[in-house]
Each structure stands twice: as structure tokens, then as C-alpha cells.
Amino acid sequence: MIMIEVNDEQLNELVVADLQQSLQGLRQDLEEGRGGIWSHDPKEDRKIIKKHIKALKLVLEHYGWEE
């Protein structure tokens, strides 16, 4: 096993980058009408995707992210 040390700033950058990637993916799913992620009902699925997008934005704002 290889151990890698990272400081708090580096860790925050990694977390933010991963959250931004997740946010981008959900936005793309929403724009392209991809469904069936959480529900077989397209309207319900879009509702859940929007809820997750809102949650990711909130967490990113905690890290100082601005859209």
C-alpha cells in the first residue's frame, strides 16, 4: 500500500473537483432528458435530479465555490 499525504487545501480541491464533476453530470442528464436514474417515472426522476443538483450546489458553496 502506498501512502500519500495531502494537506487540507489539497483535500478541499479534490473534493470540490469531484463534486463539480458530479454536478456537471447531473446537469447534462437533466438537459439531455436522461431518465431512469432514481425512478422509472421521467417526471419524478427530473424532480430528484433537480433536488440533487440543488444539494450539490449547497455543498460546493460551503467550500467557497461560486457559480
C-alpha atoms as a PDB file:
ATOM      1  CA  MET A   1       0.000   0.000   0.000  1.00  0.00           C
ATOM      2  CA  ILE A   2       1.233   3.465  -0.900  1.00  0.00           C
ATOM      3  CA  MET A   3       0.516   6.343   1.471  1.00  0.00           C
ATOM      4  CA  ILE A   4       0.094   9.833   0.076  1.00  0.00           C
ATOM      5  CA  GLU A   5      -0.018  12.854   2.320  1.00  0.00           C
ATOM      6  CA  VAL A   6      -2.231  15.786   1.382  1.00  0.00           C
ATOM      7  CA  ASN A   7      -2.884  18.953   3.280  1.00  0.00           C
ATOM      8  CA  ASP A   8      -6.322  20.410   3.961  1.00  0.00           C
ATOM      9  CA  GLU A   9      -6.184  22.750   0.971  1.00  0.00           C
ATOM     10  CA  GLN A  10      -5.306  19.931  -1.427  1.00  0.00           C
ATOM     11  CA  LEU A  11      -8.042  17.742   0.007  1.00  0.00           C
ATOM     12  CA  ASN A  12     -10.600  20.525  -0.388  1.00  0.00           C
ATOM     13  CA  GLU A  13      -9.545  20.998  -4.019  1.00  0.00           C
ATOM     14  CA  LEU A  14     -10.006  17.278  -4.682  1.00  0.00           C
ATOM     15  CA  VAL A  15     -13.435  17.243  -3.025  1.00  0.00           C
ATOM     16  CA  VAL A  16     -14.586  20.341  -4.915  1.00  0.00           C
ATOM     17  CA  ALA A  17     -13.361  18.938  -8.241  1.00  0.00           C
ATOM     18  CA  ASP A  18     -15.251  15.684  -7.658  1.00  0.00           C
ATOM     19  CA  LEU A  19     -18.429  17.496  -6.594  1.00  0.00           C
ATOM     20  CA  GLN A  20     -18.227  19.768  -9.648  1.00  0.00           C
ATOM     21  CA  GLN A  21     -17.870  16.734 -11.892  1.00  0.00           C
ATOM     22  CA  SER A  22     -20.939  15.159 -10.287  1.00  0.00           C
ATOM     23  CA  LEU A  23     -22.871  18.413 -10.677  1.00  0.00           C
ATOM     24  CA  GLN A  24     -21.914  18.673 -14.348  1.00  0.00           C
ATOM     25  CA  GLY A  25     -23.000  15.091 -14.961  1.00  0.00           C
ATOM     26  CA  LEU A  26     -26.396  15.645 -13.358  1.00  0.00           C
ATOM     27  CA  ARG A  27     -26.908  18.862 -15.310  1.00  0.00           C
ATOM     28  CA  GLN A  28     -26.087  17.019 -18.510  1.00  0.00           C
ATOM     29  CA  ASP A  29     -28.514  14.216 -17.593  1.00  0.00           C
ATOM     30  CA  LEU A  30     -31.212  16.820 -16.977  1.00  0.00           C
ATOM     31  CA  GLU A  31     -30.539  18.717 -20.226  1.00  0.00           C
ATOM     32  CA  GLU A  32     -30.434  15.574 -22.333  1.00  0.00           C
ATOM     33  CA  GLY A  33     -33.510  14.113 -20.701  1.00  0.00           C
ATOM     34  CA  ARG A  34     -31.760  11.012 -19.466  1.00  0.00           C
ATOM     35  CA  GLY A  35     -34.012   9.243 -17.058  1.00  0.00           C
ATOM     36  CA  GLY A  36     -34.305   6.139 -15.014  1.00  0.00           C
ATOM     37  CA  ILE A  37     -31.558   7.137 -12.630  1.00  0.00           C
ATOM     38  CA  TRP A  38     -33.688   7.118  -9.482  1.00  0.00           C
ATOM     39  CA  SER A  39     -37.174   6.499 -10.800  1.00  0.00           C
ATOM     40  CA  HIS A  40     -38.867   4.924 -13.807  1.00  0.00           C
ATOM     41  CA  ASP A  41     -41.239   7.903 -13.898  1.00  0.00           C
ATOM     42  CA  PRO A  42     -39.497  10.589 -16.024  1.00  0.00           C
ATOM     43  CA  LYS A  43     -41.154  13.487 -14.177  1.00  0.00           C
ATOM     44  CA  GLU A  44     -40.212  12.066 -10.783  1.00  0.00           C
ATOM     45  CA  ASP A  45     -36.682  11.391 -11.974  1.00  0.00           C
ATOM     46  CA  ARG A  46     -36.260  15.002 -13.181  1.00  0.00           C
ATOM     47  CA  LYS A  47     -37.550  16.206  -9.821  1.00  0.00           C
ATOM     48  CA  ILE A  48     -34.997  14.081  -7.980  1.00  0.00           C
ATOM     49  CA  ILE A  49     -32.152  15.171 -10.292  1.00  0.00           C
ATOM     50  CA  LYS A  50     -33.021  18.829  -9.628  1.00  0.00           C
ATOM     51  CA  LYS A  51     -33.033  18.124  -5.891  1.00  0.00           C
ATOM     52  CA  HIS A  52     -29.565  16.561  -6.109  1.00  0.00           C
ATOM     53  CA  ILE A  53     -28.269  19.483  -8.191  1.00  0.00           C
ATOM     54  CA  LYS A  54     -29.505  21.899  -5.533  1.00  0.00           C
ATOM     55  CA  ALA A  55     -27.835  19.831  -2.796  1.00  0.00           C
ATOM     56  CA  LEU A  56     -24.509  19.693  -4.642  1.00  0.00           C
ATOM     57  CA  LYS A  57     -24.577  23.458  -5.139  1.00  0.00           C
ATOM     58  CA  LEU A  58     -25.155  23.939  -1.408  1.00  0.00           C
ATOM     59  CA  VAL A  59     -22.206  21.726  -0.500  1.00  0.00           C
ATOM     60  CA  LEU A  60     -19.985  23.436  -3.081  1.00  0.00           C
ATOM     61  CA  GLU A  61     -20.906  26.839  -1.640  1.00  0.00           C
ATOM     62  CA  HIS A  62     -19.635  25.574   1.723  1.00  0.00           C
ATOM     63  CA  TYR A  63     -16.228  25.176   0.063  1.00  0.00           C
ATOM     64  CA  GLY A  64     -16.382  28.731  -1.302  1.00  0.00           C
ATOM     65  CA  TRP A  65     -17.491  27.767  -4.812  1.00  0.00           C
ATOM     66  CA  GLU A  66     -19.313  30.378  -6.846  1.00  0.00           C
ATOM     67  CA  GLU A  67     -21.255  29.581  -9.976  1.00  0.00           C
END
